[in-house]
Amino acid sequence: MPQCEKKTPASRTALALTLALLTNPEVLAENQKSHQNRPLHADQGRCIWNARASGTTSVYYLALFSTEGKPVDIAFNLSRRHLGDKTVALRDLWTPRDLLAARGVIRQTIKPHGSVLLRLSA
């Protein structure tokens, strides 16, 4: 007879965090209402994905990933999305919270094996 998995406080917390992510309306909008989703850059320890919001030319999504077992600094030049001369509002969709606006370059330190999902609005 198979044994049932014992629910611990840590497993309940992990389940709650997963559920919060999967039901986050801002993350769902990125998933359901974006296009041109593709990788922009990948090298040792880091990966950058990009997408455009449907129905607008001023909103992009940017996902930054660390594939290392240590923190990774990532700098993304906004001119790659034709936003280099604009002040861009940033929103972290997973926390969810607004970040300081950026101009020219977005800089993020990503936790080991972590990621950040940003909405960029110009």
PDB file of N, CA and C in Angstrom:
ATOM      1  N   MET A   1       0.844  -1.170   0.000  1.00  0.00           N
ATOM      2  CA  MET A   1       0.000   0.000   0.000  1.00  0.00           C
ATOM      3  C   MET A   1       0.894   1.240   0.000  1.00  0.00           C
ATOM      4  N   PRO A   2       0.672   2.205  -0.945  1.00  0.00           N
ATOM      5  CA  PRO A   2       1.500   3.406  -0.997  1.00  0.00           C
ATOM      6  C   PRO A   2       1.270   4.283   0.222  1.00  0.00           C
ATOM      7  N   GLN A   3       2.334   4.926   0.640  1.00  0.00           N
ATOM      8  CA  GLN A   3       2.236   5.829   1.771  1.00  0.00           C
ATOM      9  C   GLN A   3       1.864   7.228   1.281  1.00  0.00           C
ATOM     10  N   CYS A   4       1.085   7.927   2.059  1.00  0.00           N
ATOM     11  CA  CYS A   4       0.743   9.308   1.742  1.00  0.00           C
ATOM     12  C   CYS A   4       1.893  10.209   2.151  1.00  0.00           C
ATOM     13  N   GLU A   5       2.097  11.232   1.365  1.00  0.00           N
ATOM     14  CA  GLU A   5       3.142  12.197   1.690  1.00  0.00           C
ATOM     15  C   GLU A   5       2.704  13.015   2.890  1.00  0.00           C
ATOM     16  N   LYS A   6       3.592  13.137   3.852  1.00  0.00           N
ATOM     17  CA  LYS A   6       3.280  13.910   5.038  1.00  0.00           C
ATOM     18  C   LYS A   6       3.415  15.394   4.718  1.00  0.00           C
ATOM     19  N   LYS A   7       2.385  16.160   5.029  1.00  0.00           N
ATOM     20  CA  LYS A   7       2.411  17.598   4.802  1.00  0.00           C
ATOM     21  C   LYS A   7       3.130  18.270   5.965  1.00  0.00           C
ATOM     22  N   THR A   8       4.163  19.011   5.636  1.00  0.00           N
ATOM     23  CA  THR A   8       4.921  19.756   6.632  1.00  0.00           C
ATOM     24  C   THR A   8       4.655  21.242   6.416  1.00  0.00           C
ATOM     25  N   PRO A   9       4.995  22.075   7.396  1.00  0.00           N
ATOM     26  CA  PRO A   9       4.835  23.525   7.170  1.00  0.00           C
ATOM     27  C   PRO A   9       5.586  23.996   5.928  1.00  0.00           C
ATOM     28  N   ALA A  10       6.763  23.444   5.672  1.00  0.00           N
ATOM     29  CA  ALA A  10       7.534  23.852   4.494  1.00  0.00           C
ATOM     30  C   ALA A  10       6.828  23.452   3.204  1.00  0.00           C
ATOM     31  N   SER A  11       6.238  22.259   3.157  1.00  0.00           N
ATOM     32  CA  SER A  11       5.553  21.836   1.937  1.00  0.00           C
ATOM     33  C   SER A  11       4.283  22.645   1.720  1.00  0.00           C
ATOM     34  N   ARG A  12       3.594  23.028   2.812  1.00  0.00           N
ATOM     35  CA  ARG A  12       2.408  23.873   2.674  1.00  0.00           C
ATOM     36  C   ARG A  12       2.794  25.261   2.161  1.00  0.00           C
ATOM     37  N   THR A  13       3.926  25.783   2.635  1.00  0.00           N
ATOM     38  CA  THR A  13       4.408  27.086   2.169  1.00  0.00           C
ATOM     39  C   THR A  13       4.768  27.021   0.694  1.00  0.00           C
ATOM     40  N   ALA A  14       5.470  25.963   0.290  1.00  0.00           N
ATOM     41  CA  ALA A  14       5.840  25.807  -1.116  1.00  0.00           C
ATOM     42  C   ALA A  14       4.594  25.699  -1.988  1.00  0.00           C
ATOM     43  N   LEU A  15       3.603  24.965  -1.534  1.00  0.00           N
ATOM     44  CA  LEU A  15       2.353  24.829  -2.283  1.00  0.00           C
ATOM     45  C   LEU A  15       1.648  26.177  -2.403  1.00  0.00           C
ATOM     46  N   ALA A  16       1.613  26.935  -1.324  1.00  0.00           N
ATOM     47  CA  ALA A  16       0.969  28.251  -1.357  1.00  0.00           C
ATOM     48  C   ALA A  16       1.699  29.190  -2.317  1.00  0.00           C
ATOM     49  N   LEU A  17       3.026  29.163  -2.327  1.00  0.00           N
ATOM     50  CA  LEU A  17       3.799  30.005  -3.241  1.00  0.00           C
ATOM     51  C   LEU A  17       3.563  29.604  -4.693  1.00  0.00           C
ATOM     52  N   THR A  18       3.508  28.306  -4.962  1.00  0.00           N
ATOM     53  CA  THR A  18       3.247  27.822  -6.316  1.00  0.00           C
ATOM     54  C   THR A  18       1.853  28.227  -6.759  1.00  0.00           C
ATOM     55  N   LEU A  19       0.872  28.069  -5.904  1.00  0.00           N
ATOM     56  CA  LEU A  19      -0.499  28.447  -6.225  1.00  0.00           C
ATOM     57  C   LEU A  19      -0.601  29.954  -6.481  1.00  0.00           C
ATOM     58  N   ALA A  20       0.078  30.746  -5.670  1.00  0.00           N
ATOM     59  CA  ALA A  20       0.060  32.203  -5.858  1.00  0.00           C
ATOM     60  C   ALA A  20       0.661  32.584  -7.204  1.00  0.00           C
ATOM     61  N   LEU A  21       1.717  31.913  -7.612  1.00  0.00           N
ATOM     62  CA  LEU A  21       2.338  32.183  -8.905  1.00  0.00           C
ATOM     63  C   LEU A  21       1.415  31.784 -10.048  1.00  0.00           C
ATOM     64  N   LEU A  22       0.821  30.611  -9.959  1.00  0.00           N
ATOM     65  CA  LEU A  22      -0.021  30.098 -11.037  1.00  0.00           C
ATOM     66  C   LEU A  22      -1.344  30.842 -11.187  1.00  0.00           C
ATOM     67  N   THR A  23      -1.754  31.569 -10.164  1.00  0.00           N
ATOM     68  CA  THR A  23      -3.012  32.312 -10.228  1.00  0.00           C
ATOM     69  C   THR A  23      -2.787  33.820 -10.262  1.00  0.00           C
ATOM     70  N   ASN A  24      -1.546  34.259 -10.376  1.00  0.00           N
ATOM     71  CA  ASN A  24      -1.203  35.680 -10.419  1.00  0.00           C
ATOM     72  C   ASN A  24      -1.725  36.269 -11.734  1.00  0.00           C
ATOM     73  N   PRO A  25      -2.664  37.229 -11.677  1.00  0.00           N
ATOM     74  CA  PRO A  25      -3.255  37.752 -12.910  1.00  0.00           C
ATOM     75  C   PRO A  25      -2.248  38.438 -13.833  1.00  0.00           C
ATOM     76  N   GLU A  26      -1.210  39.046 -13.270  1.00  0.00           N
ATOM     77  CA  GLU A  26      -0.206  39.708 -14.106  1.00  0.00           C
ATOM     78  C   GLU A  26       0.660  38.689 -14.840  1.00  0.00           C
ATOM     79  N   VAL A  27       0.997  37.598 -14.185  1.00  0.00           N
ATOM     80  CA  VAL A  27       1.769  36.534 -14.830  1.00  0.00           C
ATOM     81  C   VAL A  27       0.900  35.839 -15.881  1.00  0.00           C
ATOM     82  N   LEU A  28      -0.365  35.617 -15.564  1.00  0.00           N
ATOM     83  CA  LEU A  28      -1.278  35.006 -16.537  1.00  0.00           C
ATOM     84  C   LEU A  28      -1.438  35.892 -17.772  1.00  0.00           C
ATOM     85  N   ALA A  29      -1.494  37.211 -17.593  1.00  0.00           N
ATOM     86  CA  ALA A  29      -1.604  38.117 -18.737  1.00  0.00           C
ATOM     87  C   ALA A  29      -0.377  37.995 -19.626  1.00  0.00           C
ATOM     88  N   GLU A  30       0.802  37.901 -19.031  1.00  0.00           N
ATOM     89  CA  GLU A  30       2.022  37.725 -19.828  1.00  0.00           C
ATOM     90  C   GLU A  30       1.938  36.419 -20.605  1.00  0.00           C
ATOM     91  N   ASN A  31       1.465  35.380 -19.963  1.00  0.00           N
ATOM     92  CA  ASN A  31       1.373  34.072 -20.599  1.00  0.00           C
ATOM     93  C   ASN A  31       0.325  34.035 -21.711  1.00  0.00           C
ATOM     94  N   GLN A  32      -0.818  34.651 -21.482  1.00  0.00           N
ATOM     95  CA  GLN A  32      -1.948  34.540 -22.402  1.00  0.00           C
ATOM     96  C   GLN A  32      -2.026  35.670 -23.428  1.00  0.00           C
ATOM     97  N   LYS A  33      -1.446  36.826 -23.115  1.00  0.00           N
ATOM     98  CA  LYS A  33      -1.623  38.006 -23.976  1.00  0.00           C
ATOM     99  C   LYS A  33      -0.293  38.612 -24.399  1.00  0.00           C
ATOM    100  N   SER A  34       0.629  37.765 -24.791  1.00  0.00           N
ATOM    101  CA  SER A  34       1.903  38.260 -25.307  1.00  0.00           C
ATOM    102  C   SER A  34       2.251  37.488 -26.571  1.00  0.00           C
ATOM    103  N   HIS A  35       3.180  38.039 -27.327  1.00  0.00           N
ATOM    104  CA  HIS A  35       3.617  37.390 -28.558  1.00  0.00           C
ATOM    105  C   HIS A  35       5.102  37.696 -28.776  1.00  0.00           C
ATOM    106  N   GLN A  36       5.664  37.087 -29.786  1.00  0.00           N
ATOM    107  CA  GLN A  36       7.095  37.197 -30.087  1.00  0.00           C
ATOM    108  C   GLN A  36       7.950  36.777 -28.891  1.00  0.00           C
ATOM    109  N   ASN A  37       7.501  35.755 -28.177  1.00  0.00           N
ATOM    110  CA  ASN A  37       8.245  35.245 -27.022  1.00  0.00           C
ATOM    111  C   ASN A  37       9.462  34.484 -27.533  1.00  0.00           C
ATOM    112  N   ARG A  38      10.639  34.914 -27.113  1.00  0.00           N
ATOM    113  CA  ARG A  38      11.848  34.243 -27.596  1.00  0.00           C
ATOM    114  C   ARG A  38      13.046  34.580 -26.716  1.00  0.00           C
ATOM    115  N   PRO A  39      14.046  33.701 -26.752  1.00  0.00           N
ATOM    116  CA  PRO A  39      15.276  34.018 -26.024  1.00  0.00           C
ATOM    117  C   PRO A  39      16.039  35.121 -26.756  1.00  0.00           C
ATOM    118  N   LEU A  40      16.640  36.011 -25.987  1.00  0.00           N
ATOM    119  CA  LEU A  40      17.473  37.066 -26.556  1.00  0.00           C
ATOM    120  C   LEU A  40      18.946  36.798 -26.344  1.00  0.00           C
ATOM    121  N   HIS A  41      19.245  36.115 -25.244  1.00  0.00           N
ATOM    122  CA  HIS A  41      20.649  35.932 -24.890  1.00  0.00           C
ATOM    123  C   HIS A  41      20.773  34.740 -23.942  1.00  0.00           C
ATOM    124  N   ALA A  42      21.792  33.969 -24.152  1.00  0.00           N
ATOM    125  CA  ALA A  42      22.106  32.880 -23.218  1.00  0.00           C
ATOM    126  C   ALA A  42      23.611  32.671 -23.245  1.00  0.00           C
ATOM    127  N   ASP A  43      24.190  32.613 -22.083  1.00  0.00           N
ATOM    128  CA  ASP A  43      25.604  32.278 -21.965  1.00  0.00           C
ATOM    129  C   ASP A  43      25.813  31.600 -20.623  1.00  0.00           C
ATOM    130  N   GLN A  44      27.046  31.414 -20.260  1.00  0.00           N
ATOM    131  CA  GLN A  44      27.364  30.731 -19.017  1.00  0.00           C
ATOM    132  C   GLN A  44      26.693  31.413 -17.828  1.00  0.00           C
ATOM    133  N   GLY A  45      25.713  30.746 -17.253  1.00  0.00           N
ATOM    134  CA  GLY A  45      25.121  31.226 -16.012  1.00  0.00           C
ATOM    135  C   GLY A  45      23.915  32.128 -16.135  1.00  0.00           C
ATOM    136  N   ARG A  46      23.557  32.569 -17.351  1.00  0.00           N
ATOM    137  CA  ARG A  46      22.437  33.504 -17.470  1.00  0.00           C
ATOM    138  C   ARG A  46      21.680  33.315 -18.778  1.00  0.00           C
ATOM    139  N   CYS A  47      20.401  33.671 -18.715  1.00  0.00           N
ATOM    140  CA  CYS A  47      19.535  33.572 -19.891  1.00  0.00           C
ATOM    141  C   CYS A  47      18.530  34.718 -19.813  1.00  0.00           C
ATOM    142  N   ILE A  48      18.239  35.326 -20.974  1.00  0.00           N
ATOM    143  CA  ILE A  48      17.280  36.421 -21.048  1.00  0.00           C
ATOM    144  C   ILE A  48      16.234  36.083 -22.104  1.00  0.00           C
ATOM    145  N   TRP A  49      14.960  36.142 -21.695  1.00  0.00           N
ATOM    146  CA  TRP A  49      13.834  35.950 -22.619  1.00  0.00           C
ATOM    147  C   TRP A  49      13.066  37.254 -22.720  1.00  0.00           C
ATOM    148  N   ASN A  50      12.400  37.453 -23.841  1.00  0.00           N
ATOM    149  CA  ASN A  50      11.680  38.675 -24.122  1.00  0.00           C
ATOM    150  C   ASN A  50      10.338  38.341 -24.784  1.00  0.00           C
ATOM    151  N   ALA A  51       9.346  39.173 -24.548  1.00  0.00           N
ATOM    152  CA  ALA A  51       8.049  39.056 -25.230  1.00  0.00           C
ATOM    153  C   ALA A  51       7.453  40.448 -25.346  1.00  0.00           C
ATOM    154  N   ARG A  52       6.504  40.598 -26.258  1.00  0.00           N
ATOM    155  CA  ARG A  52       5.777  41.859 -26.414  1.00  0.00           C
ATOM    156  C   ARG A  52       4.347  41.656 -25.954  1.00  0.00           C
ATOM    157  N   ALA A  53       3.810  42.655 -25.283  1.00  0.00           N
ATOM    158  CA  ALA A  53       2.400  42.606 -24.892  1.00  0.00           C
ATOM    159  C   ALA A  53       1.549  42.802 -26.137  1.00  0.00           C
ATOM    160  N   SER A  54       0.497  42.034 -26.269  1.00  0.00           N
ATOM    161  CA  SER A  54      -0.407  42.155 -27.412  1.00  0.00           C
ATOM    162  C   SER A  54      -1.195  43.461 -27.323  1.00  0.00           C
ATOM    163  N   GLY A  55      -1.421  44.070 -28.482  1.00  0.00           N
ATOM    164  CA  GLY A  55      -2.255  45.255 -28.530  1.00  0.00           C
ATOM    165  C   GLY A  55      -1.568  46.556 -28.167  1.00  0.00           C
ATOM    166  N   THR A  56      -0.260  46.557 -27.969  1.00  0.00           N
ATOM    167  CA  THR A  56       0.460  47.772 -27.623  1.00  0.00           C
ATOM    168  C   THR A  56       1.894  47.674 -28.137  1.00  0.00           C
ATOM    169  N   THR A  57       2.488  48.811 -28.384  1.00  0.00           N
ATOM    170  CA  THR A  57       3.891  48.823 -28.811  1.00  0.00           C
ATOM    171  C   THR A  57       4.810  49.337 -27.714  1.00  0.00           C
ATOM    172  N   SER A  58       4.243  49.651 -26.552  1.00  0.00           N
ATOM    173  CA  SER A  58       5.057  50.254 -25.495  1.00  0.00           C
ATOM    174  C   SER A  58       5.260  49.357 -24.277  1.00  0.00           C
ATOM    175  N   VAL A  59       4.793  48.107 -24.326  1.00  0.00           N
ATOM    176  CA  VAL A  59       4.944  47.201 -23.185  1.00  0.00           C
ATOM    177  C   VAL A  59       5.661  45.928 -23.633  1.00  0.00           C
ATOM    178  N   TYR A  60       6.705  45.592 -22.900  1.00  0.00           N
ATOM    179  CA  TYR A  60       7.475  44.369 -23.133  1.00  0.00           C
ATOM    180  C   TYR A  60       7.535  43.580 -21.831  1.00  0.00           C
ATOM    181  N   TYR A  61       7.825  42.304 -21.962  1.00  0.00           N
ATOM    182  CA  TYR A  61       8.106  41.455 -20.806  1.00  0.00           C
ATOM    183  C   TYR A  61       9.543  40.979 -20.936  1.00  0.00           C
ATOM    184  N   LEU A  62      10.227  40.900 -19.819  1.00  0.00           N
ATOM    185  CA  LEU A  62      11.617  40.474 -19.804  1.00  0.00           C
ATOM    186  C   LEU A  62      11.790  39.480 -18.663  1.00  0.00           C
ATOM    187  N   ALA A  63      12.269  38.287 -18.980  1.00  0.00           N
ATOM    188  CA  ALA A  63      12.533  37.264 -17.962  1.00  0.00           C
ATOM    189  C   ALA A  63      14.030  37.048 -17.895  1.00  0.00           C
ATOM    190  N   LEU A  64      14.577  37.164 -16.697  1.00  0.00           N
ATOM    191  CA  LEU A  64      16.009  37.006 -16.454  1.00  0.00           C
ATOM    192  C   LEU A  64      16.218  35.773 -15.588  1.00  0.00           C
ATOM    193  N   PHE A  65      17.116  34.887 -16.008  1.00  0.00           N
ATOM    194  CA  PHE A  65      17.328  33.618 -15.312  1.00  0.00           C
ATOM    195  C   PHE A  65      18.793  33.436 -14.941  1.00  0.00           C
ATOM    196  N   SER A  66      19.027  32.894 -13.757  1.00  0.00           N
ATOM    197  CA  SER A  66      20.352  32.435 -13.347  1.00  0.00           C
ATOM    198  C   SER A  66      20.369  30.913 -13.435  1.00  0.00           C
ATOM    199  N   THR A  67      21.338  30.384 -14.145  1.00  0.00           N
ATOM    200  CA  THR A  67      21.483  28.929 -14.228  1.00  0.00           C
ATOM    201  C   THR A  67      22.670  28.457 -13.403  1.00  0.00           C
ATOM    202  N   GLU A  68      23.173  29.337 -12.559  1.00  0.00           N
ATOM    203  CA  GLU A  68      24.340  29.049 -11.726  1.00  0.00           C
ATOM    204  C   GLU A  68      23.929  28.791 -10.282  1.00  0.00           C
ATOM    205  N   GLY A  69      24.815  28.181  -9.548  1.00  0.00           N
ATOM    206  CA  GLY A  69      24.618  27.957  -8.123  1.00  0.00           C
ATOM    207  C   GLY A  69      25.120  29.124  -7.291  1.00  0.00           C
ATOM    208  N   LYS A  70      25.236  30.292  -7.915  1.00  0.00           N
ATOM    209  CA  LYS A  70      25.659  31.513  -7.229  1.00  0.00           C
ATOM    210  C   LYS A  70      24.891  32.682  -7.831  1.00  0.00           C
ATOM    211  N   PRO A  71      24.820  33.826  -7.147  1.00  0.00           N
ATOM    212  CA  PRO A  71      24.130  34.981  -7.711  1.00  0.00           C
ATOM    213  C   PRO A  71      24.776  35.410  -9.027  1.00  0.00           C
ATOM    214  N   VAL A  72      23.949  35.922  -9.934  1.00  0.00           N
ATOM    215  CA  VAL A  72      24.420  36.350 -11.248  1.00  0.00           C
ATOM    216  C   VAL A  72      23.935  37.776 -11.493  1.00  0.00           C
ATOM    217  N   ASP A  73      24.848  38.650 -11.906  1.00  0.00           N
ATOM    218  CA  ASP A  73      24.486  40.009 -12.286  1.00  0.00           C
ATOM    219  C   ASP A  73      24.148  40.030 -13.773  1.00  0.00           C
ATOM    220  N   ILE A  74      22.992  40.601 -14.098  1.00  0.00           N
ATOM    221  CA  ILE A  74      22.570  40.703 -15.494  1.00  0.00           C
ATOM    222  C   ILE A  74      22.288  42.168 -15.800  1.00  0.00           C
ATOM    223  N   ALA A  75      22.853  42.627 -16.910  1.00  0.00           N
ATOM    224  CA  ALA A  75      22.581  43.974 -17.418  1.00  0.00           C
ATOM    225  C   ALA A  75      21.930  43.815 -18.785  1.00  0.00           C
ATOM    226  N   PHE A  76      20.773  44.445 -18.968  1.00  0.00           N
ATOM    227  CA  PHE A  76      20.060  44.383 -20.243  1.00  0.00           C
ATOM    228  C   PHE A  76      19.973  45.786 -20.820  1.00  0.00           C
ATOM    229  N   ASN A  77      20.534  45.962 -22.016  1.00  0.00           N
ATOM    230  CA  ASN A  77      20.533  47.250 -22.690  1.00  0.00           C
ATOM    231  C   ASN A  77      19.164  47.472 -23.340  1.00  0.00           C
ATOM    232  N   LEU A  78      18.464  48.503 -22.905  1.00  0.00           N
ATOM    233  CA  LEU A  78      17.116  48.772 -23.397  1.00  0.00           C
ATOM    234  C   LEU A  78      17.077  49.141 -24.877  1.00  0.00           C
ATOM    235  N   SER A  79      18.194  49.518 -25.458  1.00  0.00           N
ATOM    236  CA  SER A  79      18.201  49.822 -26.889  1.00  0.00           C
ATOM    237  C   SER A  79      17.920  48.571 -27.723  1.00  0.00           C
ATOM    238  N   ARG A  80      18.105  47.390 -27.140  1.00  0.00           N
ATOM    239  CA  ARG A  80      17.764  46.149 -27.856  1.00  0.00           C
ATOM    240  C   ARG A  80      16.265  46.044 -28.116  1.00  0.00           C
ATOM    241  N   ARG A  81      15.463  46.782 -27.394  1.00  0.00           N
ATOM    242  CA  ARG A  81      14.010  46.841 -27.592  1.00  0.00           C
ATOM    243  C   ARG A  81      13.597  48.239 -28.050  1.00  0.00           C
ATOM    244  N   HIS A  82      14.537  49.022 -28.553  1.00  0.00           N
ATOM    245  CA  HIS A  82      14.275  50.384 -29.039  1.00  0.00           C
ATOM    246  C   HIS A  82      13.738  51.280 -27.922  1.00  0.00           C
ATOM    247  N   LEU A  83      14.211  51.046 -26.706  1.00  0.00           N
ATOM    248  CA  LEU A  83      13.782  51.834 -25.549  1.00  0.00           C
ATOM    249  C   LEU A  83      14.960  52.540 -24.875  1.00  0.00           C
ATOM    250  N   GLY A  84      16.115  52.571 -25.520  1.00  0.00           N
ATOM    251  CA  GLY A  84      17.318  53.105 -24.896  1.00  0.00           C
ATOM    252  C   GLY A  84      17.237  54.562 -24.514  1.00  0.00           C
ATOM    253  N   ASP A  85      16.437  55.356 -25.235  1.00  0.00           N
ATOM    254  CA  ASP A  85      16.348  56.787 -24.950  1.00  0.00           C
ATOM    255  C   ASP A  85      15.122  57.140 -24.116  1.00  0.00           C
ATOM    256  N   LYS A  86      14.437  56.129 -23.593  1.00  0.00           N
ATOM    257  CA  LYS A  86      13.206  56.364 -22.831  1.00  0.00           C
ATOM    258  C   LYS A  86      13.373  55.928 -21.380  1.00  0.00           C
ATOM    259  N   THR A  87      12.634  56.604 -20.508  1.00  0.00           N
ATOM    260  CA  THR A  87      12.539  56.146 -19.129  1.00  0.00           C
ATOM    261  C   THR A  87      11.463  55.069 -19.102  1.00  0.00           C
ATOM    262  N   VAL A  88      11.803  53.912 -18.557  1.00  0.00           N
ATOM    263  CA  VAL A  88      10.933  52.743 -18.599  1.00  0.00           C
ATOM    264  C   VAL A  88      10.494  52.378 -17.188  1.00  0.00           C
ATOM    265  N   ALA A  89       9.177  52.276 -17.003  1.00  0.00           N
ATOM    266  CA  ALA A  89       8.641  51.809 -15.716  1.00  0.00           C
ATOM    267  C   ALA A  89       8.840  50.300 -15.644  1.00  0.00           C
ATOM    268  N   LEU A  90       9.262  49.819 -14.477  1.00  0.00           N
ATOM    269  CA  LEU A  90       9.514  48.395 -14.271  1.00  0.00           C
ATOM    270  C   LEU A  90       8.580  47.853 -13.198  1.00  0.00           C
ATOM    271  N   ARG A  91       8.030  46.678 -13.467  1.00  0.00           N
ATOM    272  CA  ARG A  91       7.200  45.993 -12.469  1.00  0.00           C
ATOM    273  C   ARG A  91       7.640  44.547 -12.395  1.00  0.00           C
ATOM    274  N   ASP A  92       7.959  44.109 -11.186  1.00  0.00           N
ATOM    275  CA  ASP A  92       8.277  42.705 -10.942  1.00  0.00           C
ATOM    276  C   ASP A  92       6.944  41.978 -10.814  1.00  0.00           C
ATOM    277  N   LEU A  93       6.661  41.092 -11.762  1.00  0.00           N
ATOM    278  CA  LEU A  93       5.350  40.440 -11.783  1.00  0.00           C
ATOM    279  C   LEU A  93       5.216  39.325 -10.752  1.00  0.00           C
ATOM    280  N   TRP A  94       6.317  38.785 -10.287  1.00  0.00           N
ATOM    281  CA  TRP A  94       6.215  37.668  -9.352  1.00  0.00           C
ATOM    282  C   TRP A  94       6.060  38.126  -7.910  1.00  0.00           C
ATOM    283  N   THR A  95       6.488  39.347  -7.585  1.00  0.00           N
ATOM    284  CA  THR A  95       6.404  39.729  -6.174  1.00  0.00           C
ATOM    285  C   THR A  95       5.037  40.237  -5.725  1.00  0.00           C
ATOM    286  N   PRO A  96       4.134  40.787  -6.431  1.00  0.00           N
ATOM    287  CA  PRO A  96       4.242  41.784  -7.492  1.00  0.00           C
ATOM    288  C   PRO A  96       4.473  43.172  -6.882  1.00  0.00           C
ATOM    289  N   ARG A  97       5.391  43.920  -7.480  1.00  0.00           N
ATOM    290  CA  ARG A  97       5.672  45.271  -6.974  1.00  0.00           C
ATOM    291  C   ARG A  97       6.362  46.094  -8.054  1.00  0.00           C
ATOM    292  N   ASP A  98       6.167  47.400  -7.955  1.00  0.00           N
ATOM    293  CA  ASP A  98       6.838  48.317  -8.867  1.00  0.00           C
ATOM    294  C   ASP A  98       8.280  48.500  -8.413  1.00  0.00           C
ATOM    295  N   LEU A  99       9.184  48.607  -9.381  1.00  0.00           N
ATOM    296  CA  LEU A  99      10.592  48.860  -9.119  1.00  0.00           C
ATOM    297  C   LEU A  99      10.916  50.268  -9.587  1.00  0.00           C
ATOM    298  N   LEU A 100      12.121  50.711  -9.294  1.00  0.00           N
ATOM    299  CA  LEU A 100      12.556  52.022  -9.774  1.00  0.00           C
ATOM    300  C   LEU A 100      12.615  52.007 -11.292  1.00  0.00           C
ATOM    301  N   ALA A 101      12.224  53.117 -11.900  1.00  0.00           N
ATOM    302  CA  ALA A 101      12.279  53.230 -13.358  1.00  0.00           C
ATOM    303  C   ALA A 101      13.734  53.136 -13.824  1.00  0.00           C
ATOM    304  N   ALA A 102      13.904  52.728 -15.074  1.00  0.00           N
ATOM    305  CA  ALA A 102      15.244  52.577 -15.639  1.00  0.00           C
ATOM    306  C   ALA A 102      15.349  53.381 -16.932  1.00  0.00           C
ATOM    307  N   ARG A 103      16.551  53.755 -17.253  1.00  0.00           N
ATOM    308  CA  ARG A 103      16.832  54.438 -18.520  1.00  0.00           C
ATOM    309  C   ARG A 103      18.166  53.902 -19.025  1.00  0.00           C
ATOM    310  N   GLY A 104      18.172  53.393 -20.234  1.00  0.00           N
ATOM    311  CA  GLY A 104      19.410  52.896 -20.834  1.00  0.00           C
ATOM    312  C   GLY A 104      19.669  51.427 -20.562  1.00  0.00           C
ATOM    313  N   VAL A 105      19.768  51.057 -19.283  1.00  0.00           N
ATOM    314  CA  VAL A 105      20.127  49.681 -18.912  1.00  0.00           C
ATOM    315  C   VAL A 105      19.313  49.249 -17.693  1.00  0.00           C
ATOM    316  N   ILE A 106      18.852  48.007 -17.720  1.00  0.00           N
ATOM    317  CA  ILE A 106      18.243  47.388 -16.540  1.00  0.00           C
ATOM    318  C   ILE A 106      19.305  46.485 -15.926  1.00  0.00           C
ATOM    319  N   ARG A 107      19.545  46.651 -14.633  1.00  0.00           N
ATOM    320  CA  ARG A 107      20.516  45.821 -13.925  1.00  0.00           C
ATOM    321  C   ARG A 107      19.801  45.081 -12.792  1.00  0.00           C
ATOM    322  N   GLN A 108      20.014  43.771 -12.755  1.00  0.00           N
ATOM    323  CA  GLN A 108      19.409  42.935 -11.711  1.00  0.00           C
ATOM    324  C   GLN A 108      20.428  41.908 -11.247  1.00  0.00           C
ATOM    325  N   THR A 109      20.444  41.642  -9.956  1.00  0.00           N
ATOM    326  CA  THR A 109      21.203  40.519  -9.417  1.00  0.00           C
ATOM    327  C   THR A 109      20.197  39.407  -9.157  1.00  0.00           C
ATOM    328  N   ILE A 110      20.413  38.270  -9.809  1.00  0.00           N
ATOM    329  CA  ILE A 110      19.490  37.147  -9.728  1.00  0.00           C
ATOM    330  C   ILE A 110      20.055  36.115  -8.752  1.00  0.00           C
ATOM    331  N   LYS A 111      19.220  35.647  -7.861  1.00  0.00           N
ATOM    332  CA  LYS A 111      19.641  34.639  -6.877  1.00  0.00           C
ATOM    333  C   LYS A 111      20.060  33.350  -7.584  1.00  0.00           C
ATOM    334  N   PRO A 112      20.853  32.507  -6.905  1.00  0.00           N
ATOM    335  CA  PRO A 112      21.259  31.231  -7.508  1.00  0.00           C
ATOM    336  C   PRO A 112      20.036  30.437  -7.997  1.00  0.00           C
ATOM    337  N   HIS A 113      20.075  30.013  -9.243  1.00  0.00           N
ATOM    338  CA  HIS A 113      18.991  29.250  -9.877  1.00  0.00           C
ATOM    339  C   HIS A 113      17.652  29.982  -9.783  1.00  0.00           C
ATOM    340  N   GLY A 114      17.709  31.311  -9.738  1.00  0.00           N
ATOM    341  CA  GLY A 114      16.506  32.115  -9.607  1.00  0.00           C
ATOM    342  C   GLY A 114      16.124  32.785 -10.906  1.00  0.00           C
ATOM    343  N   SER A 115      15.062  33.569 -10.837  1.00  0.00           N
ATOM    344  CA  SER A 115      14.594  34.291 -12.013  1.00  0.00           C
ATOM    345  C   SER A 115      13.790  35.510 -11.579  1.00  0.00           C
ATOM    346  N   VAL A 116      13.640  36.421 -12.523  1.00  0.00           N
ATOM    347  CA  VAL A 116      12.826  37.620 -12.342  1.00  0.00           C
ATOM    348  C   VAL A 116      12.000  37.800 -13.597  1.00  0.00           C
ATOM    349  N   LEU A 117      10.734  38.133 -13.442  1.00  0.00           N
ATOM    350  CA  LEU A 117       9.858  38.403 -14.580  1.00  0.00           C
ATOM    351  C   LEU A 117       9.418  39.845 -14.466  1.00  0.00           C
ATOM    352  N   LEU A 118       9.818  40.666 -15.453  1.00  0.00           N
ATOM    353  CA  LEU A 118       9.547  42.097 -15.420  1.00  0.00           C
ATOM    354  C   LEU A 118       8.609  42.509 -16.546  1.00  0.00           C
ATOM    355  N   ARG A 119       7.766  43.497 -16.232  1.00  0.00           N
ATOM    356  CA  ARG A 119       6.996  44.184 -17.277  1.00  0.00           C
ATOM    357  C   ARG A 119       7.640  45.554 -17.451  1.00  0.00           C
ATOM    358  N   LEU A 120       7.969  45.893 -18.692  1.00  0.00           N
ATOM    359  CA  LEU A 120       8.593  47.161 -19.045  1.00  0.00           C
ATOM    360  C   LEU A 120       7.550  48.002 -19.764  1.00  0.00           C
ATOM    361  N   SER A 121       7.288  49.201 -19.264  1.00  0.00           N
ATOM    362  CA  SER A 121       6.318  50.093 -19.887  1.00  0.00           C
ATOM    363  C   SER A 121       6.984  51.416 -20.194  1.00  0.00           C
ATOM    364  N   ALA A 122       6.936  51.822 -21.467  1.00  0.00           N
ATOM    365  CA  ALA A 122       7.557  53.089 -21.869  1.00  0.00           C
ATOM    366  C   ALA A 122       6.497  54.148 -22.086  1.00  0.00           C
TER     367      ALA A 122
END
